[in-house]
Amino acid sequence: MIFEEKTLESEYVYKGRIINLRRDKVTVRNGQSVREVIEHSGGAVIMALKPDGKILMERQFRKPVDKVIFEAPAGKIDKGESPAETALRELREETGYSAADIRLLTSTYTSVGFSDEILYIYLCTDLTKGQTDFDENEAIDLEEHHIMDLYEMAVLGEIEDAKTQIGIFMVKALIDKGELADYLI
């Protein structure tokens, strides 16, 4: 039987622009314990698929891991914004493209052991090129890679970012099911 923890006390240790850190005293099977929880507004991930089978990707330095990460475009959900609105906004800002078609592929919790962050992964198609509008603190290199090459890179462990791996596997699954046959050029 699964034991559901109940919160006895809760206090904020830190409140920031992107995350909050909360300390909860909870009931556990044999008494009480403390849980440290990161609160996050969630985010949207964009698998922007072009008619030639290429997906828009980016490289940017990520301070938490102190290196450049190869990843799909993504961004945090702003207050009052739906995940789909976030995906379309981030697609435009980070790649310069807009999408006429957007489809939710899946949602995923990033790390349920300490965070409530949820990411919504979208497939965006019927793309139209425009101008990027990076945030003032963003330095992003844009690239395009064929989905089959990205799949191979993910399988070989050459893509370290989990949200990107999931997005690639989801798109590849749709291709395998014949739902994206027009993108296998």
N, C-alpha and C. Protein backbone atom coordinates (compact mmCIF):
# COMPACT_ATOMS: atom_id res chain seq x y z
N MET A 1 0.84 -1.19 0.00
CA MET A 1 0.00 0.00 0.00
C MET A 1 0.89 1.25 0.00
N ILE A 2 0.51 2.23 -0.78
CA ILE A 2 1.26 3.47 -0.88
C ILE A 2 0.86 4.41 0.25
N PHE A 3 1.85 4.96 0.91
CA PHE A 3 1.61 5.91 1.99
C PHE A 3 1.67 7.32 1.42
N GLU A 4 0.59 8.06 1.56
CA GLU A 4 0.57 9.45 1.08
C GLU A 4 0.96 10.38 2.21
N GLU A 5 2.00 11.15 1.97
CA GLU A 5 2.48 12.10 2.96
C GLU A 5 1.52 13.28 3.09
N LYS A 6 1.36 13.75 4.31
CA LYS A 6 0.54 14.93 4.59
C LYS A 6 1.47 16.03 5.09
N THR A 7 1.23 17.26 4.63
CA THR A 7 2.04 18.40 5.06
C THR A 7 1.56 18.90 6.41
N LEU A 8 2.47 18.97 7.35
CA LEU A 8 2.16 19.47 8.70
C LEU A 8 2.50 20.96 8.82
N GLU A 9 3.63 21.35 8.24
CA GLU A 9 4.08 22.74 8.25
C GLU A 9 4.77 23.02 6.93
N SER A 10 4.75 24.28 6.51
CA SER A 10 5.41 24.67 5.29
C SER A 10 5.99 26.07 5.46
N GLU A 11 7.24 26.24 5.03
CA GLU A 11 7.86 27.57 5.10
C GLU A 11 8.71 27.80 3.85
N TYR A 12 8.72 29.05 3.39
CA TYR A 12 9.56 29.40 2.24
C TYR A 12 10.94 29.77 2.73
N VAL A 13 11.94 29.13 2.16
CA VAL A 13 13.33 29.41 2.46
C VAL A 13 13.85 30.48 1.51
N TYR A 14 13.31 30.47 0.26
CA TYR A 14 13.76 31.40 -0.77
C TYR A 14 12.62 31.61 -1.76
N LYS A 15 12.43 32.86 -2.19
CA LYS A 15 11.50 33.19 -3.26
C LYS A 15 12.25 33.98 -4.31
N GLY A 16 12.26 33.48 -5.53
CA GLY A 16 13.03 34.13 -6.60
C GLY A 16 12.18 34.41 -7.83
N ARG A 17 12.86 34.85 -8.88
CA ARG A 17 12.21 35.16 -10.15
C ARG A 17 11.73 33.90 -10.88
N ILE A 18 12.52 32.85 -10.79
CA ILE A 18 12.24 31.64 -11.55
C ILE A 18 11.78 30.49 -10.65
N ILE A 19 12.36 30.40 -9.47
CA ILE A 19 12.01 29.30 -8.56
C ILE A 19 11.77 29.82 -7.15
N ASN A 20 11.04 29.03 -6.39
CA ASN A 20 10.91 29.21 -4.95
C ASN A 20 11.38 27.91 -4.31
N LEU A 21 11.96 28.03 -3.12
CA LEU A 21 12.36 26.86 -2.36
C LEU A 21 11.54 26.83 -1.08
N ARG A 22 10.83 25.72 -0.90
CA ARG A 22 9.95 25.53 0.24
C ARG A 22 10.42 24.33 1.07
N ARG A 23 10.33 24.45 2.39
CA ARG A 23 10.64 23.34 3.28
C ARG A 23 9.34 22.90 3.94
N ASP A 24 8.97 21.65 3.72
CA ASP A 24 7.74 21.11 4.28
C ASP A 24 8.06 20.04 5.33
N LYS A 25 7.40 20.12 6.48
CA LYS A 25 7.44 19.02 7.45
C LYS A 25 6.25 18.14 7.09
N VAL A 26 6.51 16.84 6.91
CA VAL A 26 5.47 15.92 6.43
C VAL A 26 5.40 14.67 7.30
N THR A 27 4.25 14.01 7.22
CA THR A 27 4.11 12.70 7.84
C THR A 27 4.73 11.67 6.91
N VAL A 28 5.39 10.68 7.51
CA VAL A 28 5.90 9.54 6.75
C VAL A 28 5.45 8.28 7.49
N ARG A 29 5.67 7.13 6.89
CA ARG A 29 5.18 5.88 7.44
C ARG A 29 5.59 5.68 8.91
N ASN A 30 6.80 6.09 9.27
CA ASN A 30 7.27 5.86 10.64
C ASN A 30 7.46 7.17 11.43
N GLY A 31 6.68 8.20 11.12
CA GLY A 31 6.76 9.45 11.88
C GLY A 31 6.70 10.70 11.02
N GLN A 32 7.75 11.52 11.11
CA GLN A 32 7.80 12.77 10.38
C GLN A 32 9.14 12.92 9.67
N SER A 33 9.13 13.76 8.63
CA SER A 33 10.35 14.05 7.90
C SER A 33 10.24 15.44 7.30
N VAL A 34 11.31 15.89 6.67
CA VAL A 34 11.33 17.20 6.01
C VAL A 34 11.58 16.98 4.53
N ARG A 35 10.82 17.71 3.70
CA ARG A 35 11.00 17.70 2.25
C ARG A 35 11.34 19.11 1.80
N GLU A 36 12.37 19.22 0.97
CA GLU A 36 12.70 20.49 0.35
C GLU A 36 12.16 20.44 -1.07
N VAL A 37 11.34 21.43 -1.40
CA VAL A 37 10.62 21.42 -2.68
C VAL A 37 10.93 22.68 -3.46
N ILE A 38 11.34 22.50 -4.70
CA ILE A 38 11.51 23.62 -5.63
C ILE A 38 10.19 23.82 -6.36
N GLU A 39 9.64 25.03 -6.27
CA GLU A 39 8.44 25.38 -7.02
C GLU A 39 8.86 26.10 -8.30
N HIS A 40 8.24 25.73 -9.41
CA HIS A 40 8.55 26.32 -10.71
C HIS A 40 7.24 26.42 -11.50
N SER A 41 7.11 27.45 -12.30
CA SER A 41 5.87 27.68 -13.04
C SER A 41 5.66 26.73 -14.21
N GLY A 42 6.67 25.93 -14.52
CA GLY A 42 6.55 25.00 -15.64
C GLY A 42 7.10 25.63 -16.91
N GLY A 43 7.14 24.83 -17.96
CA GLY A 43 7.69 25.32 -19.21
C GLY A 43 7.13 24.58 -20.40
N ALA A 44 7.48 25.10 -21.57
CA ALA A 44 7.07 24.49 -22.83
C ALA A 44 8.32 24.21 -23.65
N VAL A 45 8.32 23.07 -24.32
CA VAL A 45 9.41 22.61 -25.17
C VAL A 45 8.87 22.50 -26.58
N ILE A 46 9.67 22.92 -27.55
CA ILE A 46 9.19 22.97 -28.92
C ILE A 46 10.00 22.05 -29.82
N MET A 47 9.33 21.09 -30.42
CA MET A 47 9.91 20.27 -31.47
C MET A 47 9.37 20.84 -32.78
N ALA A 48 10.13 21.78 -33.35
CA ALA A 48 9.70 22.49 -34.56
C ALA A 48 10.21 21.72 -35.77
N LEU A 49 9.28 21.06 -36.45
CA LEU A 49 9.61 20.16 -37.56
C LEU A 49 9.32 20.82 -38.89
N LYS A 50 10.35 20.91 -39.72
CA LYS A 50 10.23 21.52 -41.05
C LYS A 50 9.86 20.44 -42.08
N PRO A 51 9.36 20.83 -43.24
CA PRO A 51 8.95 19.85 -44.26
C PRO A 51 10.08 18.94 -44.73
N ASP A 52 11.34 19.37 -44.60
CA ASP A 52 12.46 18.54 -45.03
C ASP A 52 12.92 17.55 -43.95
N GLY A 53 12.14 17.45 -42.85
CA GLY A 53 12.47 16.51 -41.79
C GLY A 53 13.45 17.06 -40.77
N LYS A 54 13.84 18.31 -40.92
CA LYS A 54 14.77 18.91 -39.97
C LYS A 54 14.02 19.56 -38.81
N ILE A 55 14.64 19.49 -37.65
CA ILE A 55 14.09 20.09 -36.44
C ILE A 55 14.99 21.23 -36.02
N LEU A 56 14.37 22.32 -35.59
CA LEU A 56 15.12 23.48 -35.12
C LEU A 56 15.68 23.19 -33.73
N MET A 57 16.97 23.36 -33.60
CA MET A 57 17.66 23.08 -32.34
C MET A 57 18.51 24.28 -31.98
N GLU A 58 19.00 24.28 -30.74
CA GLU A 58 19.86 25.38 -30.32
C GLU A 58 20.95 24.88 -29.39
N ARG A 59 21.98 25.68 -29.33
CA ARG A 59 23.07 25.46 -28.38
C ARG A 59 23.17 26.72 -27.54
N GLN A 60 23.23 26.52 -26.23
CA GLN A 60 23.44 27.65 -25.34
C GLN A 60 24.13 27.20 -24.07
N PHE A 61 24.88 28.11 -23.49
CA PHE A 61 25.58 27.82 -22.24
C PHE A 61 24.55 27.76 -21.13
N ARG A 62 24.64 26.71 -20.31
CA ARG A 62 23.73 26.53 -19.17
C ARG A 62 24.57 26.51 -17.90
N LYS A 63 24.45 27.55 -17.09
CA LYS A 63 25.27 27.71 -15.89
C LYS A 63 25.13 26.56 -14.89
N PRO A 64 23.94 26.01 -14.64
CA PRO A 64 23.87 24.93 -13.65
C PRO A 64 24.79 23.74 -13.95
N VAL A 65 25.07 23.48 -15.23
CA VAL A 65 25.97 22.38 -15.58
C VAL A 65 27.30 22.89 -16.13
N ASP A 66 27.45 24.20 -16.21
CA ASP A 66 28.68 24.87 -16.64
C ASP A 66 29.18 24.41 -18.01
N LYS A 67 28.26 24.26 -18.95
CA LYS A 67 28.70 23.93 -20.31
C LYS A 67 27.60 24.27 -21.32
N VAL A 68 27.98 24.22 -22.58
CA VAL A 68 27.03 24.44 -23.67
C VAL A 68 26.20 23.17 -23.84
N ILE A 69 24.89 23.35 -23.92
CA ILE A 69 23.96 22.23 -24.07
C ILE A 69 23.27 22.33 -25.42
N PHE A 70 23.16 21.19 -26.09
CA PHE A 70 22.44 21.05 -27.36
C PHE A 70 21.02 20.65 -27.01
N GLU A 71 20.05 21.47 -27.38
CA GLU A 71 18.68 21.25 -26.90
C GLU A 71 17.63 21.81 -27.85
N ALA A 72 16.40 21.38 -27.60
CA ALA A 72 15.26 21.94 -28.31
C ALA A 72 14.92 23.29 -27.68
N PRO A 73 14.35 24.21 -28.46
CA PRO A 73 13.92 25.49 -27.88
C PRO A 73 12.89 25.24 -26.77
N ALA A 74 12.97 26.06 -25.73
CA ALA A 74 12.06 25.90 -24.60
C ALA A 74 12.07 27.17 -23.77
N GLY A 75 11.06 27.30 -22.92
CA GLY A 75 11.03 28.45 -22.03
C GLY A 75 9.98 28.28 -20.96
N LYS A 76 10.08 29.12 -19.94
CA LYS A 76 9.16 29.00 -18.81
C LYS A 76 7.82 29.66 -19.12
N ILE A 77 6.80 29.12 -18.50
CA ILE A 77 5.45 29.64 -18.65
C ILE A 77 5.32 30.91 -17.82
N ASP A 78 4.92 31.99 -18.47
CA ASP A 78 4.70 33.25 -17.76
C ASP A 78 3.31 33.25 -17.14
N LYS A 79 3.15 34.03 -16.08
CA LYS A 79 1.86 34.13 -15.38
C LYS A 79 0.75 34.50 -16.37
N GLY A 80 -0.35 33.75 -16.31
CA GLY A 80 -1.50 34.01 -17.17
C GLY A 80 -1.39 33.42 -18.56
N GLU A 81 -0.32 32.70 -18.83
CA GLU A 81 -0.06 32.15 -20.16
C GLU A 81 -0.32 30.64 -20.14
N SER A 82 -0.94 30.13 -21.19
CA SER A 82 -1.12 28.68 -21.30
C SER A 82 0.19 28.07 -21.81
N PRO A 83 0.39 26.77 -21.58
CA PRO A 83 1.60 26.13 -22.12
C PRO A 83 1.72 26.27 -23.64
N ALA A 84 0.62 26.17 -24.37
CA ALA A 84 0.66 26.31 -25.83
C ALA A 84 1.07 27.73 -26.23
N GLU A 85 0.56 28.72 -25.52
CA GLU A 85 0.96 30.11 -25.79
C GLU A 85 2.46 30.29 -25.53
N THR A 86 2.94 29.68 -24.47
CA THR A 86 4.37 29.74 -24.17
C THR A 86 5.18 29.12 -25.30
N ALA A 87 4.75 27.96 -25.78
CA ALA A 87 5.47 27.27 -26.86
C ALA A 87 5.55 28.16 -28.10
N LEU A 88 4.44 28.75 -28.49
CA LEU A 88 4.44 29.60 -29.69
C LEU A 88 5.28 30.85 -29.49
N ARG A 89 5.23 31.43 -28.29
CA ARG A 89 6.04 32.63 -28.00
C ARG A 89 7.52 32.29 -28.03
N GLU A 90 7.90 31.21 -27.36
CA GLU A 90 9.32 30.83 -27.32
C GLU A 90 9.83 30.42 -28.70
N LEU A 91 9.01 29.75 -29.49
CA LEU A 91 9.39 29.40 -30.86
C LEU A 91 9.74 30.66 -31.64
N ARG A 92 8.88 31.67 -31.53
CA ARG A 92 9.09 32.93 -32.25
C ARG A 92 10.34 33.66 -31.72
N GLU A 93 10.44 33.77 -30.39
CA GLU A 93 11.55 34.52 -29.80
C GLU A 93 12.90 33.86 -30.08
N GLU A 94 12.99 32.54 -29.92
CA GLU A 94 14.27 31.87 -29.97
C GLU A 94 14.68 31.40 -31.37
N THR A 95 13.72 31.18 -32.26
CA THR A 95 14.06 30.70 -33.60
C THR A 95 13.64 31.64 -34.71
N GLY A 96 12.73 32.56 -34.42
CA GLY A 96 12.20 33.45 -35.45
C GLY A 96 11.05 32.84 -36.22
N TYR A 97 10.70 31.60 -35.95
CA TYR A 97 9.62 30.94 -36.68
C TYR A 97 8.29 31.06 -35.93
N SER A 98 7.21 31.00 -36.70
CA SER A 98 5.88 30.84 -36.13
C SER A 98 5.32 29.53 -36.69
N ALA A 99 4.32 28.99 -36.01
CA ALA A 99 3.75 27.70 -36.43
C ALA A 99 2.24 27.83 -36.59
N ALA A 100 1.74 27.30 -37.70
CA ALA A 100 0.29 27.26 -37.91
C ALA A 100 -0.33 26.06 -37.20
N ASP A 101 0.46 25.01 -36.98
CA ASP A 101 -0.01 23.80 -36.31
C ASP A 101 0.80 23.55 -35.05
N ILE A 102 0.11 23.30 -33.96
CA ILE A 102 0.78 22.96 -32.70
C ILE A 102 0.02 21.80 -32.07
N ARG A 103 0.77 20.81 -31.61
CA ARG A 103 0.17 19.59 -31.06
C ARG A 103 0.93 19.18 -29.80
N LEU A 104 0.22 18.99 -28.71
CA LEU A 104 0.84 18.52 -27.48
C LEU A 104 1.24 17.06 -27.66
N LEU A 105 2.54 16.79 -27.46
CA LEU A 105 3.03 15.42 -27.54
C LEU A 105 2.92 14.72 -26.20
N THR A 106 3.34 15.39 -25.15
CA THR A 106 3.29 14.83 -23.81
C THR A 106 3.63 15.91 -22.80
N SER A 107 3.47 15.59 -21.54
CA SER A 107 3.97 16.44 -20.47
C SER A 107 4.80 15.55 -19.56
N THR A 108 5.76 16.15 -18.89
CA THR A 108 6.66 15.37 -18.04
C THR A 108 7.13 16.21 -16.85
N TYR A 109 7.18 15.58 -15.69
CA TYR A 109 7.78 16.22 -14.52
C TYR A 109 9.29 16.06 -14.65
N THR A 110 10.04 17.11 -14.37
CA THR A 110 11.49 17.06 -14.58
C THR A 110 12.23 16.28 -13.52
N SER A 111 11.81 16.38 -12.28
CA SER A 111 12.50 15.66 -11.20
C SER A 111 11.61 15.64 -9.97
N VAL A 112 10.74 14.63 -9.87
CA VAL A 112 9.70 14.59 -8.84
C VAL A 112 10.24 14.43 -7.42
N GLY A 113 11.51 14.14 -7.27
CA GLY A 113 12.08 14.00 -5.94
C GLY A 113 12.25 15.32 -5.21
N PHE A 114 12.32 16.43 -5.97
CA PHE A 114 12.50 17.72 -5.30
C PHE A 114 11.86 18.90 -6.01
N SER A 115 11.19 18.69 -7.13
CA SER A 115 10.62 19.82 -7.88
C SER A 115 9.23 19.50 -8.41
N ASP A 116 8.39 20.55 -8.48
CA ASP A 116 7.06 20.39 -9.08
C ASP A 116 7.04 20.85 -10.53
N GLU A 117 8.22 21.14 -11.10
CA GLU A 117 8.28 21.63 -12.48
C GLU A 117 7.70 20.60 -13.44
N ILE A 118 6.83 21.07 -14.33
CA ILE A 118 6.28 20.23 -15.38
C ILE A 118 6.58 20.90 -16.72
N LEU A 119 6.97 20.09 -17.69
CA LEU A 119 7.24 20.58 -19.03
C LEU A 119 6.22 19.99 -19.99
N TYR A 120 5.72 20.83 -20.88
CA TYR A 120 4.79 20.43 -21.93
C TYR A 120 5.56 20.42 -23.23
N ILE A 121 5.60 19.27 -23.89
CA ILE A 121 6.39 19.12 -25.10
C ILE A 121 5.45 19.13 -26.30
N TYR A 122 5.70 20.08 -27.21
CA TYR A 122 4.83 20.31 -28.36
C TYR A 122 5.55 20.01 -29.67
N LEU A 123 4.78 19.51 -30.63
CA LEU A 123 5.22 19.41 -32.01
C LEU A 123 4.64 20.61 -32.75
N CYS A 124 5.51 21.39 -33.36
CA CYS A 124 5.07 22.55 -34.15
C CYS A 124 5.43 22.30 -35.60
N THR A 125 4.43 22.46 -36.47
CA THR A 125 4.64 22.26 -37.91
C THR A 125 3.99 23.41 -38.67
N ASP A 126 4.08 23.35 -39.99
CA ASP A 126 3.59 24.42 -40.85
C ASP A 126 4.23 25.74 -40.41
N LEU A 127 5.56 25.74 -40.46
CA LEU A 127 6.37 26.83 -39.94
C LEU A 127 6.55 27.95 -40.96
N THR A 128 6.60 29.17 -40.46
CA THR A 128 6.88 30.35 -41.27
C THR A 128 8.05 31.09 -40.63
N LYS A 129 9.08 31.40 -41.44
CA LYS A 129 10.27 32.07 -40.91
C LYS A 129 10.01 33.55 -40.69
N GLY A 130 10.57 34.05 -39.58
CA GLY A 130 10.51 35.46 -39.24
C GLY A 130 11.81 35.87 -38.58
N GLN A 131 11.73 36.80 -37.64
CA GLN A 131 12.92 37.31 -36.94
C GLN A 131 12.94 36.82 -35.49
N THR A 132 14.14 36.51 -35.01
CA THR A 132 14.28 36.14 -33.61
C THR A 132 14.11 37.37 -32.72
N ASP A 133 13.81 37.13 -31.47
CA ASP A 133 13.66 38.20 -30.48
C ASP A 133 14.15 37.66 -29.14
N PHE A 134 15.46 37.39 -29.07
CA PHE A 134 16.05 36.81 -27.87
C PHE A 134 15.84 37.71 -26.67
N ASP A 135 15.71 37.08 -25.48
CA ASP A 135 15.75 37.84 -24.24
C ASP A 135 17.12 38.50 -24.16
N GLU A 136 17.21 39.62 -23.44
CA GLU A 136 18.48 40.36 -23.39
C GLU A 136 19.64 39.56 -22.81
N ASN A 137 19.34 38.54 -22.03
CA ASN A 137 20.41 37.74 -21.41
C ASN A 137 20.63 36.40 -22.12
N GLU A 138 20.04 36.21 -23.30
CA GLU A 138 20.20 34.94 -24.02
C GLU A 138 21.26 35.07 -25.11
N ALA A 139 22.08 34.02 -25.24
CA ALA A 139 23.05 33.89 -26.32
C ALA A 139 22.86 32.49 -26.88
N ILE A 140 22.14 32.40 -28.00
CA ILE A 140 21.72 31.12 -28.56
C ILE A 140 22.24 30.97 -29.98
N ASP A 141 22.82 29.81 -30.28
CA ASP A 141 23.18 29.46 -31.66
C ASP A 141 22.11 28.52 -32.18
N LEU A 142 21.50 28.86 -33.30
CA LEU A 142 20.44 28.04 -33.90
C LEU A 142 21.03 27.07 -34.90
N GLU A 143 20.45 25.86 -34.94
CA GLU A 143 20.88 24.83 -35.88
C GLU A 143 19.65 24.07 -36.35
N GLU A 144 19.79 23.38 -37.47
CA GLU A 144 18.75 22.49 -37.96
C GLU A 144 19.37 21.12 -38.18
N HIS A 145 18.70 20.07 -37.68
CA HIS A 145 19.19 18.70 -37.84
C HIS A 145 18.02 17.80 -38.21
N HIS A 146 18.27 16.87 -39.09
CA HIS A 146 17.23 15.92 -39.49
C HIS A 146 16.83 15.06 -38.30
N ILE A 147 15.56 14.75 -38.20
CA ILE A 147 15.03 13.98 -37.08
C ILE A 147 15.74 12.64 -36.94
N MET A 148 16.08 12.00 -38.04
CA MET A 148 16.74 10.69 -37.95
C MET A 148 18.15 10.83 -37.39
N ASP A 149 18.84 11.91 -37.71
CA ASP A 149 20.16 12.17 -37.14
C ASP A 149 20.04 12.47 -35.64
N LEU A 150 19.03 13.26 -35.27
CA LEU A 150 18.82 13.56 -33.85
C LEU A 150 18.49 12.30 -33.07
N TYR A 151 17.67 11.44 -33.65
CA TYR A 151 17.33 10.18 -33.00
C TYR A 151 18.59 9.36 -32.74
N GLU A 152 19.44 9.25 -33.75
CA GLU A 152 20.69 8.50 -33.60
C GLU A 152 21.57 9.13 -32.52
N MET A 153 21.66 10.45 -32.51
CA MET A 153 22.46 11.15 -31.49
C MET A 153 21.91 10.88 -30.08
N ALA A 154 20.59 10.88 -29.96
CA ALA A 154 19.98 10.63 -28.65
C ALA A 154 20.25 9.20 -28.18
N VAL A 155 20.12 8.24 -29.08
CA VAL A 155 20.36 6.84 -28.73
C VAL A 155 21.82 6.61 -28.33
N LEU A 156 22.73 7.33 -28.98
CA LEU A 156 24.16 7.18 -28.68
C LEU A 156 24.60 7.97 -27.45
N GLY A 157 23.67 8.71 -26.85
CA GLY A 157 24.02 9.49 -25.66
C GLY A 157 24.69 10.81 -25.96
N GLU A 158 24.61 11.26 -27.19
CA GLU A 158 25.24 12.52 -27.58
C GLU A 158 24.36 13.73 -27.26
N ILE A 159 23.11 13.50 -26.92
CA ILE A 159 22.21 14.57 -26.48
C ILE A 159 21.93 14.30 -25.01
N GLU A 160 22.34 15.22 -24.16
CA GLU A 160 22.26 15.01 -22.71
C GLU A 160 21.00 15.59 -22.09
N ASP A 161 20.32 16.45 -22.78
CA ASP A 161 19.15 17.14 -22.23
C ASP A 161 17.91 16.26 -22.31
N ALA A 162 17.30 15.98 -21.14
CA ALA A 162 16.19 15.03 -21.07
C ALA A 162 14.96 15.50 -21.85
N LYS A 163 14.61 16.78 -21.76
CA LYS A 163 13.41 17.26 -22.47
C LYS A 163 13.58 17.09 -23.98
N THR A 164 14.80 17.30 -24.45
CA THR A 164 15.09 17.14 -25.88
C THR A 164 15.04 15.68 -26.28
N GLN A 165 15.60 14.81 -25.45
CA GLN A 165 15.54 13.37 -25.73
C GLN A 165 14.09 12.91 -25.85
N ILE A 166 13.26 13.31 -24.89
CA ILE A 166 11.85 12.90 -24.90
C ILE A 166 11.17 13.41 -26.17
N GLY A 167 11.39 14.68 -26.50
CA GLY A 167 10.78 15.24 -27.71
C GLY A 167 11.19 14.50 -28.96
N ILE A 168 12.47 14.19 -29.08
CA ILE A 168 12.97 13.44 -30.24
C ILE A 168 12.31 12.07 -30.31
N PHE A 169 12.27 11.36 -29.19
CA PHE A 169 11.67 10.02 -29.18
C PHE A 169 10.18 10.08 -29.52
N MET A 170 9.49 11.12 -29.07
CA MET A 170 8.06 11.26 -29.37
C MET A 170 7.85 11.51 -30.87
N VAL A 171 8.65 12.39 -31.46
CA VAL A 171 8.52 12.66 -32.90
C VAL A 171 8.87 11.41 -33.69
N LYS A 172 9.93 10.72 -33.31
CA LYS A 172 10.32 9.48 -34.01
C LYS A 172 9.20 8.44 -33.91
N ALA A 173 8.54 8.35 -32.77
CA ALA A 173 7.43 7.40 -32.61
C ALA A 173 6.28 7.74 -33.57
N LEU A 174 5.99 9.02 -33.75
CA LEU A 174 4.94 9.41 -34.70
C LEU A 174 5.33 9.06 -36.12
N ILE A 175 6.60 9.22 -36.45
CA ILE A 175 7.09 8.84 -37.78
C ILE A 175 6.94 7.33 -37.95
N ASP A 176 7.35 6.58 -36.95
CA ASP A 176 7.25 5.11 -37.03
C ASP A 176 5.81 4.65 -37.19
N LYS A 177 4.86 5.40 -36.62
CA LYS A 177 3.44 5.05 -36.75
C LYS A 177 2.85 5.54 -38.07
N GLY A 178 3.65 6.24 -38.87
CA GLY A 178 3.18 6.72 -40.17
C GLY A 178 2.44 8.04 -40.11
N GLU A 179 2.41 8.69 -38.95
CA GLU A 179 1.67 9.93 -38.80
C GLU A 179 2.41 11.15 -39.35
N LEU A 180 3.70 11.03 -39.60
CA LEU A 180 4.47 12.15 -40.12
C LEU A 180 5.25 11.75 -41.37
N ALA A 181 4.64 10.93 -42.20
CA ALA A 181 5.30 10.39 -43.38
C ALA A 181 5.81 11.48 -44.31
N ASP A 182 5.16 12.63 -44.33
CA ASP A 182 5.57 13.73 -45.22
C ASP A 182 6.91 14.34 -44.79
N TYR A 183 7.42 13.99 -43.61
CA TYR A 183 8.64 14.61 -43.09
C TYR A 183 9.85 13.70 -43.17
N LEU A 184 9.78 12.65 -43.96
CA LEU A 184 10.89 11.70 -44.04
C LEU A 184 11.79 11.92 -45.26
N ILE A 185 11.76 13.09 -45.80
CA ILE A 185 12.57 13.39 -47.00
C ILE A 185 14.04 13.29 -46.67
